[in-house]
Amino acid sequence: MNSNLRSLWDAAGGNAPEHWEFKTIEELLEHSKSISVGVMYPGSHINNGVPLVRVSNVKNGEIGKRPEFCIGDQVDEEYKRTRLNGTELLITLVGNPGDCVVVTKEMVGWNVARALAVVKLADVELRSWLRYVLLSKPAKHLIEARLNTTVQKTLNLKDIRELGIPIAPKIEREVITKTINALERKILINTQTNQTLEAIAQAIFKSWFVDFEPVKAKMAVLEAGGTAEEAERAAMCAISGKDEAALTQLQTEQSEAYAELTQTAALFPSSMQDSELGEIPEGWKIGSVGDIARAKGGYAFKSNQFIETGNPVVKIKNITGSGTVDISDCQCVSDKDAKSAERFQLFDGDLVMAMTGATVGKIGLMNTHGRSAYLNQRVAKFESDTFGPEVSYFLFCVFNRPEVFDVIVGTAQGSAQPNISSSLIEAAPLVIPSARLLKQIINSVQPLFYRWLKNNDESLTLALSRDNLLPKLLSCEITLDEIGVK
């Protein structure tokens, strides 16, 4: 069996050292029933229920954030065999079959959907090793050969059980997993940091342009008989999140920051007015996205122009749905063909939106990673003569608001393949403040998104390093001595 598994691995392009042994995943299980699929009939979403991990939650081998969909306690009890206890490995069966997630302590008590396998190994420490092996090209090739593609690519439990895995001696295994883990930990930290940065930007936007907190803070003071100066201070507290004592300290210690805060507070009115969208601040208007920026569709590259390496072309599939654009697997065009699409070149910080397909309305901020990238047709980017390219940061917050996203997606035409046009995107209604205040919020969130883009750039570099290093470690092309282990 061992030699047969090795032969299959070699035929798939693997090159495991002779002193490594091979075992099937079946042989690595805690017992024969230690692999099963998750919840088949989850029912409707239950508020404050048990989080359900679905394939869509798996991003690059991890669960980026707590699943939004939850099942009820009764359903969870029915499928308690797949209730997570923190020692399992999850393997996707559809979508991107073979992708793995090591279950963490934060996931304890969650459950999983039918499209994932819950695997319990006899040696829990093998989870990371198994995950990295399944990430390798030989394993992906072996998985691809087993997929059932009648409707969509599907991996079944029998195939997982029979899959042969190279197992290195413990010392080598630990060094390899620790080396790759170090890269992935930094990627995870960057991801978590970016989630925090995005949350801060969204909180600022919501406070200023949805809840109108600075305006209402002024109104509350004036209605209580306070002075205009006291009203301004109240708005400053609402904008900064500081109380009066902290605000006084800021005035003493950071006079420039205090002066900027004073100027920002002065941009907010102190009363509300009626509008077709409800009450809005006095002097603001109901306009549309088109009043702020143009939605510009991409270039119609021909299929025979695409090549494997060159200048990446951003298509719908590259918009991840998590606010980023993945250009690692883009089709490319030559310098000559890129020249004809010069007007559609993308730059760091550009905001793009899918205009058709299952991801219609999804957005992502561009990070070119130093490459010359171009916009394909059926993808829009946003431009503004008044506010410059940084308008993307404001619109990123706008389009992440459900009430705006739903309006845009609701205009999509076509049942089989929904489509939205540039004009329909631009027509989406929007509460518009003064130009000075709009520029101020752009200035306020800009540093957050600059850091967001920097973290994203670093994560891609780390991911490329991981993807280049992993196959060399798995084949001992790079030895332990070469990575500093004697």
Foldseek 3Di string as FASTA:
>chain_A
DFVVLVVLLVVLVAFFDPPWTKDALCVFALHNPQKAFFQAPQDAFDVVAAFEAEPLQADQQERLDTHPGHGHPVSCVVGVSQQDQQLWKKAFFFDQGLRIHRGHNVRHRHGYHRRIMTTHGSDSVCRLVSNLQSVDSSNSSLQVVQFDPPPGTGDDPVSRRGNMGTGDPPVLSVVLSVVLVVLVVLLSVLSVLLVVLLVVLLVLCCLCFPVVVLLVQLQVQVVVVHDNVVSLVSSLCSNVVDDPVVLVVCCVPPVVVNVLSSVLSVQFHNDWDQDPVGIDGPPWDKAFLLVFKFWAFFDADDPVQWDQDAAFEFAPVQQSLPQAGHRPRGTHGHPVVVVVRVVFWDAFQWKKAQFKAPRHLRIHTYQRLPGTYGYHGRMITIAGPLQGSLVSSVVSSVSPDPVQSCQQQVPFDDDVMTGGDRVSNRRRIGTGGDPVNSNVSSVVSVVSVVSSSVSVSSSVVSVVVSNVVSSCSSNVVPPPVNVPHD
